[in-house]
């Protein structure tokens, strides 16, 4: 079965709102509000896909048991892997955070991304 949709259309309905936090992220400063919708979850719940939005802020991420692929629809953030150089990820770009990736995300302007967690 396939599911087809426009990622931006997912924001026309009610989104789940919550502050950013565990299990993958730790906020490093003021609270970061987020909004999310997940239209696809695999039968075993190992794969999730949807659209996520967050306000500016700094957070630490550790992908210890799962990874994530993203495509940024709007906004900009700088991601810095531990021991690595900062990389800007912005609207129209994609990134992969493989299992084992650790580092920080500095959201500089409200970000909206399509994601697949695996």
PDB file of N, CA and C in Angstrom:
ATOM      1  N   UNK A   1       0.840  -1.181   0.000  1.00  0.00           N
ATOM      2  CA  UNK A   1       0.000   0.000   0.000  1.00  0.00           C
ATOM      3  C   UNK A   1       0.886   1.246   0.000  1.00  0.00           C
ATOM      4  N   UNK A   2       0.534   2.241  -0.778  1.00  0.00           N
ATOM      5  CA  UNK A   2       1.269   3.498  -0.777  1.00  0.00           C
ATOM      6  C   UNK A   2       0.366   4.611  -0.269  1.00  0.00           C
ATOM      7  N   UNK A   3       1.004   5.624   0.284  1.00  0.00           N
ATOM      8  CA  UNK A   3       0.293   6.806   0.761  1.00  0.00           C
ATOM      9  C   UNK A   3       0.920   7.992   0.046  1.00  0.00           C
ATOM     10  N   UNK A   4       0.123   8.803  -0.609  1.00  0.00           N
ATOM     11  CA  UNK A   4       0.620   9.975  -1.319  1.00  0.00           C
ATOM     12  C   UNK A   4       0.004  11.217  -0.699  1.00  0.00           C
ATOM     13  N   UNK A   5       0.854  12.231  -0.468  1.00  0.00           N
ATOM     14  CA  UNK A   5       0.365  13.487   0.097  1.00  0.00           C
ATOM     15  C   UNK A   5       1.389  14.577  -0.149  1.00  0.00           C
ATOM     16  N   UNK A   6       0.960  15.812  -0.051  1.00  0.00           N
ATOM     17  CA  UNK A   6       1.838  16.968  -0.099  1.00  0.00           C
ATOM     18  C   UNK A   6       2.233  17.274   1.347  1.00  0.00           C
ATOM     19  N   UNK A   7       3.548  17.270   1.673  1.00  0.00           N
ATOM     20  CA  UNK A   7       3.947  17.522   3.064  1.00  0.00           C
ATOM     21  C   UNK A   7       3.384  18.808   3.640  1.00  0.00           C
ATOM     22  N   UNK A   8       3.303  19.885   2.846  1.00  0.00           N
ATOM     23  CA  UNK A   8       2.771  21.136   3.386  1.00  0.00           C
ATOM     24  C   UNK A   8       1.286  21.019   3.708  1.00  0.00           C
ATOM     25  N   UNK A   9       0.565  20.141   3.020  1.00  0.00           N
ATOM     26  CA  UNK A   9      -0.866  19.957   3.286  1.00  0.00           C
ATOM     27  C   UNK A   9      -1.102  19.370   4.674  1.00  0.00           C
ATOM     28  N   UNK A  10      -0.122  18.678   5.224  1.00  0.00           N
ATOM     29  CA  UNK A  10      -0.287  18.084   6.547  1.00  0.00           C
ATOM     30  C   UNK A  10      -0.455  19.138   7.634  1.00  0.00           C
ATOM     31  N   UNK A  11      -0.091  20.383   7.346  1.00  0.00           N
ATOM     32  CA  UNK A  11      -0.200  21.432   8.348  1.00  0.00           C
ATOM     33  C   UNK A  11      -1.522  22.182   8.286  1.00  0.00           C
ATOM     34  N   UNK A  12      -2.446  21.720   7.464  1.00  0.00           N
ATOM     35  CA  UNK A  12      -3.740  22.379   7.388  1.00  0.00           C
ATOM     36  C   UNK A  12      -4.674  21.909   8.499  1.00  0.00           C
ATOM     37  N   UNK A  13      -4.375  20.780   9.103  1.00  0.00           N
ATOM     38  CA  UNK A  13      -5.194  20.262  10.191  1.00  0.00           C
ATOM     39  C   UNK A  13      -4.563  20.552  11.537  1.00  0.00           C
ATOM     40  N   UNK A  14      -5.129  20.004  12.585  1.00  0.00           N
ATOM     41  CA  UNK A  14      -4.628  20.173  13.946  1.00  0.00           C
ATOM     42  C   UNK A  14      -3.351  19.359  14.133  1.00  0.00           C
ATOM     43  N   UNK A  15      -2.322  19.977  14.679  1.00  0.00           N
ATOM     44  CA  UNK A  15      -1.053  19.311  14.934  1.00  0.00           C
ATOM     45  C   UNK A  15      -0.902  19.025  16.410  1.00  0.00           C
ATOM     46  N   UNK A  16      -0.153  17.980  16.717  1.00  0.00           N
ATOM     47  CA  UNK A  16       0.183  17.699  18.099  1.00  0.00           C
ATOM     48  C   UNK A  16       1.274  18.678  18.513  1.00  0.00           C
ATOM     49  N   UNK A  17       1.071  19.348  19.633  1.00  0.00           N
ATOM     50  CA  UNK A  17       2.036  20.328  20.121  1.00  0.00           C
ATOM     51  C   UNK A  17       2.650  19.833  21.412  1.00  0.00           C
ATOM     52  N   UNK A  18       3.979  20.053  21.540  1.00  0.00           N
ATOM     53  CA  UNK A  18       4.682  19.653  22.751  1.00  0.00           C
ATOM     54  C   UNK A  18       6.039  20.340  22.763  1.00  0.00           C
ATOM     55  N   UNK A  19       6.619  20.506  23.941  1.00  0.00           N
ATOM     56  CA  UNK A  19       7.987  21.030  23.984  1.00  0.00           C
ATOM     57  C   UNK A  19       8.960  19.942  23.533  1.00  0.00           C
ATOM     58  N   UNK A  20      10.060  20.359  22.908  1.00  0.00           N
ATOM     59  CA  UNK A  20      11.094  19.424  22.498  1.00  0.00           C
ATOM     60  C   UNK A  20      11.697  18.762  23.730  1.00  0.00           C
ATOM     61  N   UNK A  21      12.041  17.487  23.609  1.00  0.00           N
ATOM     62  CA  UNK A  21      12.649  16.788  24.739  1.00  0.00           C
ATOM     63  C   UNK A  21      12.997  15.367  24.384  1.00  0.00           C
ATOM     64  N   UNK A  22      13.299  14.542  25.387  1.00  0.00           N
ATOM     65  CA  UNK A  22      13.676  13.141  25.156  1.00  0.00           C
ATOM     66  C   UNK A  22      12.586  12.412  24.377  1.00  0.00           C
ATOM     67  N   UNK A  23      12.905  11.321  23.683  1.00  0.00           N
ATOM     68  CA  UNK A  23      14.087  10.502  23.877  1.00  0.00           C
ATOM     69  C   UNK A  23      15.291  10.894  23.040  1.00  0.00           C
ATOM     70  N   UNK A  24      15.122  11.626  21.937  1.00  0.00           N
ATOM     71  CA  UNK A  24      16.268  11.907  21.073  1.00  0.00           C
ATOM     72  C   UNK A  24      16.964  13.227  21.379  1.00  0.00           C
ATOM     73  N   UNK A  25      16.262  14.189  21.927  1.00  0.00           N
ATOM     74  CA  UNK A  25      16.814  15.534  22.071  1.00  0.00           C
ATOM     75  C   UNK A  25      16.812  16.027  23.504  1.00  0.00           C
ATOM     76  N   UNK A  26      17.797  16.870  23.793  1.00  0.00           N
ATOM     77  CA  UNK A  26      17.895  17.569  25.080  1.00  0.00           C
ATOM     78  C   UNK A  26      18.023  19.052  24.766  1.00  0.00           C
ATOM     79  N   UNK A  27      17.108  19.869  25.284  1.00  0.00           N
ATOM     80  CA  UNK A  27      17.136  21.303  25.034  1.00  0.00           C
ATOM     81  C   UNK A  27      18.278  21.925  25.826  1.00  0.00           C
ATOM     82  N   UNK A  28      19.050  22.792  25.161  1.00  0.00           N
ATOM     83  CA  UNK A  28      20.183  23.475  25.783  1.00  0.00           C
ATOM     84  C   UNK A  28      19.868  24.962  25.876  1.00  0.00           C
ATOM     85  N   UNK A  29      18.920  25.321  26.700  1.00  0.00           N
ATOM     86  CA  UNK A  29      18.493  26.713  26.834  1.00  0.00           C
ATOM     87  C   UNK A  29      17.003  26.761  27.078  1.00  0.00           C
ATOM     88  N   UNK A  30      16.369  27.786  26.498  1.00  0.00           N
ATOM     89  CA  UNK A  30      14.931  27.966  26.674  1.00  0.00           C
ATOM     90  C   UNK A  30      14.147  26.841  25.985  1.00  0.00           C
ATOM     91  N   UNK A  31      12.948  26.592  26.479  1.00  0.00           N
ATOM     92  CA  UNK A  31      12.059  25.586  25.908  1.00  0.00           C
ATOM     93  C   UNK A  31      11.866  25.844  24.410  1.00  0.00           C
ATOM     94  N   UNK A  32      11.791  24.764  23.640  1.00  0.00           N
ATOM     95  CA  UNK A  32      11.576  24.863  22.198  1.00  0.00           C
ATOM     96  C   UNK A  32      10.234  24.212  21.869  1.00  0.00           C
ATOM     97  N   UNK A  33       9.219  25.012  21.533  1.00  0.00           N
ATOM     98  CA  UNK A  33       7.926  24.443  21.152  1.00  0.00           C
ATOM     99  C   UNK A  33       8.025  23.709  19.811  1.00  0.00           C
ATOM    100  N   UNK A  34       7.332  22.581  19.704  1.00  0.00           N
ATOM    101  CA  UNK A  34       7.302  21.816  18.454  1.00  0.00           C
ATOM    102  C   UNK A  34       5.867  21.467  18.092  1.00  0.00           C
ATOM    103  N   UNK A  35       5.676  21.164  16.816  1.00  0.00           N
ATOM    104  CA  UNK A  35       4.397  20.719  16.301  1.00  0.00           C
ATOM    105  C   UNK A  35       4.686  19.568  15.346  1.00  0.00           C
ATOM    106  N   UNK A  36       3.827  18.544  15.345  1.00  0.00           N
ATOM    107  CA  UNK A  36       4.111  17.354  14.554  1.00  0.00           C
ATOM    108  C   UNK A  36       2.835  16.670  14.088  1.00  0.00           C
ATOM    109  N   UNK A  37       2.941  15.995  12.951  1.00  0.00           N
ATOM    110  CA  UNK A  37       1.912  15.068  12.507  1.00  0.00           C
ATOM    111  C   UNK A  37       2.626  13.867  11.894  1.00  0.00           C
ATOM    112  N   UNK A  38       2.135  12.672  12.191  1.00  0.00           N
ATOM    113  CA  UNK A  38       2.751  11.431  11.720  1.00  0.00           C
ATOM    114  C   UNK A  38       1.682  10.607  10.995  1.00  0.00           C
ATOM    115  N   UNK A  39       1.588  10.758   9.665  1.00  0.00           N
ATOM    116  CA  UNK A  39       0.568  10.002   8.940  1.00  0.00           C
ATOM    117  C   UNK A  39       0.958   8.562   8.646  1.00  0.00           C
ATOM    118  N   UNK A  40       2.229   8.206   8.835  1.00  0.00           N
ATOM    119  CA  UNK A  40       2.638   6.832   8.561  1.00  0.00           C
ATOM    120  C   UNK A  40       3.479   6.268   9.693  1.00  0.00           C
ATOM    121  N   UNK A  41       3.099   5.093  10.175  1.00  0.00           N
ATOM    122  CA  UNK A  41       3.882   4.309  11.129  1.00  0.00           C
ATOM    123  C   UNK A  41       3.833   2.868  10.641  1.00  0.00           C
ATOM    124  N   UNK A  42       5.014   2.222  10.555  1.00  0.00           N
ATOM    125  CA  UNK A  42       5.036   0.823  10.118  1.00  0.00           C
ATOM    126  C   UNK A  42       4.343  -0.062  11.143  1.00  0.00           C
ATOM    127  N   UNK A  43       3.949  -1.253  10.712  1.00  0.00           N
ATOM    128  CA  UNK A  43       3.243  -2.178  11.602  1.00  0.00           C
ATOM    129  C   UNK A  43       4.024  -2.482  12.874  1.00  0.00           C
ATOM    130  N   UNK A  44       5.364  -2.506  12.783  1.00  0.00           N
ATOM    131  CA  UNK A  44       6.186  -2.791  13.961  1.00  0.00           C
ATOM    132  C   UNK A  44       6.641  -1.516  14.683  1.00  0.00           C
ATOM    133  N   UNK A  45       6.163  -0.353  14.235  1.00  0.00           N
ATOM    134  CA  UNK A  45       6.469   0.957  14.827  1.00  0.00           C
ATOM    135  C   UNK A  45       7.941   1.349  14.737  1.00  0.00           C
ATOM    136  N   UNK A  46       8.710   0.690  13.904  1.00  0.00           N
ATOM    137  CA  UNK A  46      10.132   1.020  13.758  1.00  0.00           C
ATOM    138  C   UNK A  46      10.354   2.161  12.765  1.00  0.00           C
ATOM    139  N   UNK A  47       9.422   2.368  11.842  1.00  0.00           N
ATOM    140  CA  UNK A  47       9.553   3.427  10.846  1.00  0.00           C
ATOM    141  C   UNK A  47       8.390   4.387  11.013  1.00  0.00           C
ATOM    142  N   UNK A  48       8.718   5.671  11.141  1.00  0.00           N
ATOM    143  CA  UNK A  48       7.724   6.729  11.274  1.00  0.00           C
ATOM    144  C   UNK A  48       8.008   7.775  10.215  1.00  0.00           C
ATOM    145  N   UNK A  49       6.963   8.399   9.692  1.00  0.00           N
ATOM    146  CA  UNK A  49       7.170   9.444   8.702  1.00  0.00           C
ATOM    147  C   UNK A  49       6.119  10.521   8.897  1.00  0.00           C
ATOM    148  N   UNK A  50       6.535  11.769   8.720  1.00  0.00           N
ATOM    149  CA  UNK A  50       5.601  12.865   8.877  1.00  0.00           C
ATOM    150  C   UNK A  50       6.260  14.203   8.689  1.00  0.00           C
ATOM    151  N   UNK A  51       5.631  15.227   9.247  1.00  0.00           N
ATOM    152  CA  UNK A  51       6.140  16.586   9.186  1.00  0.00           C
ATOM    153  C   UNK A  51       6.274  17.111  10.607  1.00  0.00           C
ATOM    154  N   UNK A  52       7.414  17.783  10.856  1.00  0.00           N
ATOM    155  CA  UNK A  52       7.745  18.310  12.187  1.00  0.00           C
ATOM    156  C   UNK A  52       8.140  19.761  12.028  1.00  0.00           C
ATOM    157  N   UNK A  53       7.726  20.573  12.974  1.00  0.00           N
ATOM    158  CA  UNK A  53       8.045  21.995  12.966  1.00  0.00           C
ATOM    159  C   UNK A  53       8.522  22.386  14.355  1.00  0.00           C
ATOM    160  N   UNK A  54       9.532  23.252  14.423  1.00  0.00           N
ATOM    161  CA  UNK A  54      10.038  23.702  15.719  1.00  0.00           C
ATOM    162  C   UNK A  54      10.479  25.158  15.632  1.00  0.00           C
ATOM    163  N   UNK A  55      10.356  25.836  16.760  1.00  0.00           N
ATOM    164  CA  UNK A  55      10.799  27.216  16.873  1.00  0.00           C
ATOM    165  C   UNK A  55      12.306  27.249  17.105  1.00  0.00           C
ATOM    166  N   UNK A  56      12.924  28.429  16.954  1.00  0.00           N
ATOM    167  CA  UNK A  56      14.373  28.545  17.146  1.00  0.00           C
ATOM    168  C   UNK A  56      14.820  28.120  18.544  1.00  0.00           C
ATOM    169  N   UNK A  57      16.043  27.592  18.586  1.00  0.00           N
ATOM    170  CA  UNK A  57      16.654  27.183  19.847  1.00  0.00           C
ATOM    171  C   UNK A  57      17.781  26.207  19.596  1.00  0.00           C
ATOM    172  N   UNK A  58      18.492  25.892  20.656  1.00  0.00           N
ATOM    173  CA  UNK A  58      19.638  24.987  20.591  1.00  0.00           C
ATOM    174  C   UNK A  58      19.306  23.698  21.342  1.00  0.00           C
ATOM    175  N   UNK A  59      19.621  22.569  20.718  1.00  0.00           N
ATOM    176  CA  UNK A  59      19.353  21.278  21.352  1.00  0.00           C
ATOM    177  C   UNK A  59      20.443  20.285  20.982  1.00  0.00           C
ATOM    178  N   UNK A  60      20.599  19.289  21.827  1.00  0.00           N
ATOM    179  CA  UNK A  60      21.547  18.210  21.594  1.00  0.00           C
ATOM    180  C   UNK A  60      20.766  16.955  21.217  1.00  0.00           C
ATOM    181  N   UNK A  61      21.223  16.260  20.165  1.00  0.00           N
ATOM    182  CA  UNK A  61      20.550  15.074  19.650  1.00  0.00           C
ATOM    183  C   UNK A  61      21.494  13.890  19.688  1.00  0.00           C
ATOM    184  N   UNK A  62      20.959  12.735  20.070  1.00  0.00           N
ATOM    185  CA  UNK A  62      21.725  11.487  20.063  1.00  0.00           C
ATOM    186  C   UNK A  62      20.861  10.401  19.441  1.00  0.00           C
ATOM    187  N   UNK A  63      21.240   9.982  18.244  1.00  0.00           N
ATOM    188  CA  UNK A  63      20.524   8.936  17.522  1.00  0.00           C
ATOM    189  C   UNK A  63      21.178   7.597  17.858  1.00  0.00           C
ATOM    190  N   UNK A  64      20.876   7.064  19.021  1.00  0.00           N
ATOM    191  CA  UNK A  64      21.557   5.866  19.509  1.00  0.00           C
ATOM    192  C   UNK A  64      20.966   4.572  18.972  1.00  0.00           C
ATOM    193  N   UNK A  65      19.652   4.520  18.819  1.00  0.00           N
ATOM    194  CA  UNK A  65      19.001   3.286  18.372  1.00  0.00           C
ATOM    195  C   UNK A  65      18.221   3.455  17.078  1.00  0.00           C
ATOM    196  N   UNK A  66      18.028   4.679  16.656  1.00  0.00           N
ATOM    197  CA  UNK A  66      17.281   4.966  15.428  1.00  0.00           C
ATOM    198  C   UNK A  66      17.994   6.080  14.686  1.00  0.00           C
ATOM    199  N   UNK A  67      17.770   6.153  13.382  1.00  0.00           N
ATOM    200  CA  UNK A  67      18.306   7.227  12.566  1.00  0.00           C
ATOM    201  C   UNK A  67      17.168   8.042  11.991  1.00  0.00           C
ATOM    202  N   UNK A  68      17.515   9.116  11.277  1.00  0.00           N
ATOM    203  CA  UNK A  68      16.489   9.970  10.696  1.00  0.00           C
ATOM    204  C   UNK A  68      16.994  10.578   9.395  1.00  0.00           C
ATOM    205  N   UNK A  69      16.115  10.602   8.393  1.00  0.00           N
ATOM    206  CA  UNK A  69      16.337  11.333   7.144  1.00  0.00           C
ATOM    207  C   UNK A  69      15.353  12.487   7.134  1.00  0.00           C
ATOM    208  N   UNK A  70      15.832  13.669   6.715  1.00  0.00           N
ATOM    209  CA  UNK A  70      14.945  14.829   6.673  1.00  0.00           C
ATOM    210  C   UNK A  70      15.065  15.560   5.337  1.00  0.00           C
ATOM    211  N   UNK A  71      13.998  16.252   4.985  1.00  0.00           N
ATOM    212  CA  UNK A  71      13.998  17.208   3.881  1.00  0.00           C
ATOM    213  C   UNK A  71      13.382  18.482   4.449  1.00  0.00           C
ATOM    214  N   UNK A  72      14.133  19.586   4.422  1.00  0.00           N
ATOM    215  CA  UNK A  72      13.668  20.828   5.023  1.00  0.00           C
ATOM    216  C   UNK A  72      12.745  21.565   4.054  1.00  0.00           C
ATOM    217  N   UNK A  73      11.520  21.807   4.506  1.00  0.00           N
ATOM    218  CA  UNK A  73      10.512  22.510   3.715  1.00  0.00           C
ATOM    219  C   UNK A  73      10.611  24.022   3.884  1.00  0.00           C
ATOM    220  N   UNK A  74      10.899  24.461   5.113  1.00  0.00           N
ATOM    221  CA  UNK A  74      11.023  25.889   5.436  1.00  0.00           C
ATOM    222  C   UNK A  74      12.027  26.049   6.560  1.00  0.00           C
ATOM    223  N   UNK A  75      12.684  27.197   6.621  1.00  0.00           N
ATOM    224  CA  UNK A  75      13.542  27.525   7.736  1.00  0.00           C
ATOM    225  C   UNK A  75      14.995  27.124   7.544  1.00  0.00           C
ATOM    226  N   UNK A  76      15.731  27.238   8.664  1.00  0.00           N
ATOM    227  CA  UNK A  76      17.172  26.982   8.616  1.00  0.00           C
ATOM    228  C   UNK A  76      17.668  26.567   9.997  1.00  0.00           C
ATOM    229  N   UNK A  77      18.622  25.631   9.992  1.00  0.00           N
ATOM    230  CA  UNK A  77      19.310  25.267  11.220  1.00  0.00           C
ATOM    231  C   UNK A  77      20.755  24.913  10.892  1.00  0.00           C
ATOM    232  N   UNK A  78      21.598  24.989  11.912  1.00  0.00           N
ATOM    233  CA  UNK A  78      22.988  24.582  11.785  1.00  0.00           C
ATOM    234  C   UNK A  78      23.153  23.326  12.625  1.00  0.00           C
ATOM    235  N   UNK A  79      23.621  22.251  11.996  1.00  0.00           N
ATOM    236  CA  UNK A  79      23.851  20.999  12.718  1.00  0.00           C
ATOM    237  C   UNK A  79      25.352  20.797  12.840  1.00  0.00           C
ATOM    238  N   UNK A  80      25.774  20.363  14.026  1.00  0.00           N
ATOM    239  CA  UNK A  80      27.194  20.139  14.268  1.00  0.00           C
ATOM    240  C   UNK A  80      27.359  18.789  14.934  1.00  0.00           C
ATOM    241  N   UNK A  81      27.912  17.843  14.195  1.00  0.00           N
ATOM    242  CA  UNK A  81      28.190  16.531  14.761  1.00  0.00           C
ATOM    243  C   UNK A  81      29.356  16.658  15.730  1.00  0.00           C
ATOM    244  N   UNK A  82      29.326  15.914  16.835  1.00  0.00           N
ATOM    245  CA  UNK A  82      30.434  15.945  17.790  1.00  0.00           C
ATOM    246  C   UNK A  82      31.747  15.739  17.044  1.00  0.00           C
ATOM    247  N   UNK A  83      32.685  16.660  17.234  1.00  0.00           N
ATOM    248  CA  UNK A  83      33.992  16.572  16.586  1.00  0.00           C
ATOM    249  C   UNK A  83      33.998  17.023  15.140  1.00  0.00           C
ATOM    250  N   UNK A  84      32.840  17.484  14.622  1.00  0.00           N
ATOM    251  CA  UNK A  84      32.738  17.888  13.220  1.00  0.00           C
ATOM    252  C   UNK A  84      32.558  19.385  13.052  1.00  0.00           C
ATOM    253  N   UNK A  85      32.449  19.801  11.813  1.00  0.00           N
ATOM    254  CA  UNK A  85      32.236  21.198  11.466  1.00  0.00           C
ATOM    255  C   UNK A  85      30.741  21.489  11.352  1.00  0.00           C
ATOM    256  N   UNK A  86      30.325  22.725  11.652  1.00  0.00           N
ATOM    257  CA  UNK A  86      28.914  23.100  11.501  1.00  0.00           C
ATOM    258  C   UNK A  86      28.485  23.024  10.033  1.00  0.00           C
ATOM    259  N   UNK A  87      27.261  22.555   9.802  1.00  0.00           N
ATOM    260  CA  UNK A  87      26.690  22.461   8.463  1.00  0.00           C
ATOM    261  C   UNK A  87      25.309  23.106   8.500  1.00  0.00           C
ATOM    262  N   UNK A  88      25.063  24.013   7.558  1.00  0.00           N
ATOM    263  CA  UNK A  88      23.753  24.660   7.470  1.00  0.00           C
ATOM    264  C   UNK A  88      22.813  23.779   6.659  1.00  0.00           C
ATOM    265  N   UNK A  89      21.650  23.525   7.228  1.00  0.00           N
ATOM    266  CA  UNK A  89      20.591  22.762   6.558  1.00  0.00           C
ATOM    267  C   UNK A  89      19.403  23.715   6.473  1.00  0.00           C
ATOM    268  N   UNK A  90      18.941  23.980   5.243  1.00  0.00           N
ATOM    269  CA  UNK A  90      17.873  24.962   5.062  1.00  0.00           C
ATOM    270  C   UNK A  90      16.880  24.492   4.021  1.00  0.00           C
ATOM    271  N   UNK A  91      15.833  25.290   3.823  1.00  0.00           N
ATOM    272  CA  UNK A  91      14.768  24.926   2.888  1.00  0.00           C
ATOM    273  C   UNK A  91      15.355  24.456   1.565  1.00  0.00           C
ATOM    274  N   UNK A  92      14.862  23.289   1.124  1.00  0.00           N
ATOM    275  CA  UNK A  92      15.315  22.720  -0.133  1.00  0.00           C
ATOM    276  C   UNK A  92      16.490  21.766  -0.007  1.00  0.00           C
ATOM    277  N   UNK A  93      16.978  21.550   1.212  1.00  0.00           N
ATOM    278  CA  UNK A  93      18.090  20.619   1.410  1.00  0.00           C
ATOM    279  C   UNK A  93      17.642  19.436   2.264  1.00  0.00           C
ATOM    280  N   UNK A  94      18.428  18.369   2.169  1.00  0.00           N
ATOM    281  CA  UNK A  94      18.139  17.143   2.917  1.00  0.00           C
ATOM    282  C   UNK A  94      19.347  16.782   3.772  1.00  0.00           C
ATOM    283  N   UNK A  95      19.109  15.964   4.782  1.00  0.00           N
ATOM    284  CA  UNK A  95      20.195  15.485   5.646  1.00  0.00           C
ATOM    285  C   UNK A  95      19.819  14.110   6.179  1.00  0.00           C
ATOM    286  N   UNK A  96      20.844  13.336   6.489  1.00  0.00           N
ATOM    287  CA  UNK A  96      20.654  12.028   7.111  1.00  0.00           C
ATOM    288  C   UNK A  96      21.445  12.007   8.407  1.00  0.00           C
ATOM    289  N   UNK A  97      20.770  11.584   9.477  1.00  0.00           N
ATOM    290  CA  UNK A  97      21.391  11.415  10.781  1.00  0.00           C
ATOM    291  C   UNK A  97      21.368   9.914  11.074  1.00  0.00           C
ATOM    292  N   UNK A  98      22.473   9.209  10.742  1.00  0.00           N
ATOM    293  CA  UNK A  98      22.483   7.755  10.893  1.00  0.00           C
ATOM    294  C   UNK A  98      22.513   7.334  12.361  1.00  0.00           C
ATOM    295  N   UNK A  99      22.191   6.083  12.597  1.00  0.00           N
ATOM    296  CA  UNK A  99      22.293   5.542  13.958  1.00  0.00           C
ATOM    297  C   UNK A  99      23.721   5.783  14.435  1.00  0.00           C
ATOM    298  N   UNK A 100      23.848   6.344  15.625  1.00  0.00           N
ATOM    299  CA  UNK A 100      25.151   6.674  16.193  1.00  0.00           C
ATOM    300  C   UNK A 100      25.507   8.148  16.100  1.00  0.00           C
ATOM    301  N   UNK A 101      24.736   8.944  15.316  1.00  0.00           N
ATOM    302  CA  UNK A 101      25.028  10.382  15.184  1.00  0.00           C
ATOM    303  C   UNK A 101      24.734  11.082  16.495  1.00  0.00           C
ATOM    304  N   UNK A 102      25.666  11.945  16.930  1.00  0.00           N
ATOM    305  CA  UNK A 102      25.499  12.759  18.134  1.00  0.00           C
ATOM    306  C   UNK A 102      25.984  14.161  17.829  1.00  0.00           C
ATOM    307  N   UNK A 103      25.240  15.144  18.280  1.00  0.00           N
ATOM    308  CA  UNK A 103      25.646  16.527  18.057  1.00  0.00           C
ATOM    309  C   UNK A 103      24.535  17.490  18.405  1.00  0.00           C
ATOM    310  N   UNK A 104      24.668  18.724  17.894  1.00  0.00           N
ATOM    311  CA  UNK A 104      23.691  19.766  18.208  1.00  0.00           C
ATOM    312  C   UNK A 104      22.976  20.252  16.953  1.00  0.00           C
ATOM    313  N   UNK A 105      21.751  20.691  17.187  1.00  0.00           N
ATOM    314  CA  UNK A 105      20.965  21.380  16.172  1.00  0.00           C
ATOM    315  C   UNK A 105      20.700  22.776  16.722  1.00  0.00           C
ATOM    316  N   UNK A 106      21.089  23.799  15.971  1.00  0.00           N
ATOM    317  CA  UNK A 106      20.770  25.174  16.338  1.00  0.00           C
ATOM    318  C   UNK A 106      19.769  25.691  15.302  1.00  0.00           C
ATOM    319  N   UNK A 107      18.498  25.683  15.680  1.00  0.00           N
ATOM    320  CA  UNK A 107      17.456  26.163  14.780  1.00  0.00           C
ATOM    321  C   UNK A 107      17.510  27.686  14.806  1.00  0.00           C
ATOM    322  N   UNK A 108      17.791  28.272  13.646  1.00  0.00           N
ATOM    323  CA  UNK A 108      17.965  29.720  13.564  1.00  0.00           C
ATOM    324  C   UNK A 108      16.699  30.446  13.165  1.00  0.00           C
ATOM    325  N   UNK A 109      15.863  29.796  12.378  1.00  0.00           N
ATOM    326  CA  UNK A 109      14.528  30.332  12.086  1.00  0.00           C
ATOM    327  C   UNK A 109      13.587  29.141  12.033  1.00  0.00           C
ATOM    328  N   UNK A 110      12.358  29.374  12.431  1.00  0.00           N
ATOM    329  CA  UNK A 110      11.400  28.267  12.541  1.00  0.00           C
ATOM    330  C   UNK A 110      11.600  27.284  11.396  1.00  0.00           C
ATOM    331  N   UNK A 111      11.720  26.016  11.761  1.00  0.00           N
ATOM    332  CA  UNK A 111      11.996  24.990  10.760  1.00  0.00           C
ATOM    333  C   UNK A 111      10.794  24.072  10.601  1.00  0.00           C
ATOM    334  N   UNK A 112      10.558  23.677   9.382  1.00  0.00           N
ATOM    335  CA  UNK A 112       9.506  22.705   9.058  1.00  0.00           C
ATOM    336  C   UNK A 112      10.175  21.662   8.178  1.00  0.00           C
ATOM    337  N   UNK A 113      10.114  20.410   8.586  1.00  0.00           N
ATOM    338  CA  UNK A 113      10.804  19.350   7.836  1.00  0.00           C
ATOM    339  C   UNK A 113       9.896  18.138   7.653  1.00  0.00           C
ATOM    340  N   UNK A 114      10.097  17.480   6.534  1.00  0.00           N
ATOM    341  CA  UNK A 114       9.513  16.160   6.313  1.00  0.00           C
ATOM    342  C   UNK A 114      10.556  15.175   6.821  1.00  0.00           C
ATOM    343  N   UNK A 115      10.148  14.157   7.568  1.00  0.00           N
ATOM    344  CA  UNK A 115      11.118  13.241   8.153  1.00  0.00           C
ATOM    345  C   UNK A 115      10.704  11.785   7.992  1.00  0.00           C
ATOM    346  N   UNK A 116      11.708  10.926   8.036  1.00  0.00           N
ATOM    347  CA  UNK A 116      11.515   9.481   8.138  1.00  0.00           C
ATOM    348  C   UNK A 116      12.454   9.014   9.227  1.00  0.00           C
ATOM    349  N   UNK A 117      11.901   8.454  10.284  1.00  0.00           N
ATOM    350  CA  UNK A 117      12.709   7.861  11.362  1.00  0.00           C
ATOM    351  C   UNK A 117      12.753   6.368  11.116  1.00  0.00           C
ATOM    352  N   UNK A 118      13.982   5.829  11.141  1.00  0.00           N
ATOM    353  CA  UNK A 118      14.159   4.403  10.854  1.00  0.00           C
ATOM    354  C   UNK A 118      14.952   3.732  11.955  1.00  0.00           C
TER     355      UNK A 118
END
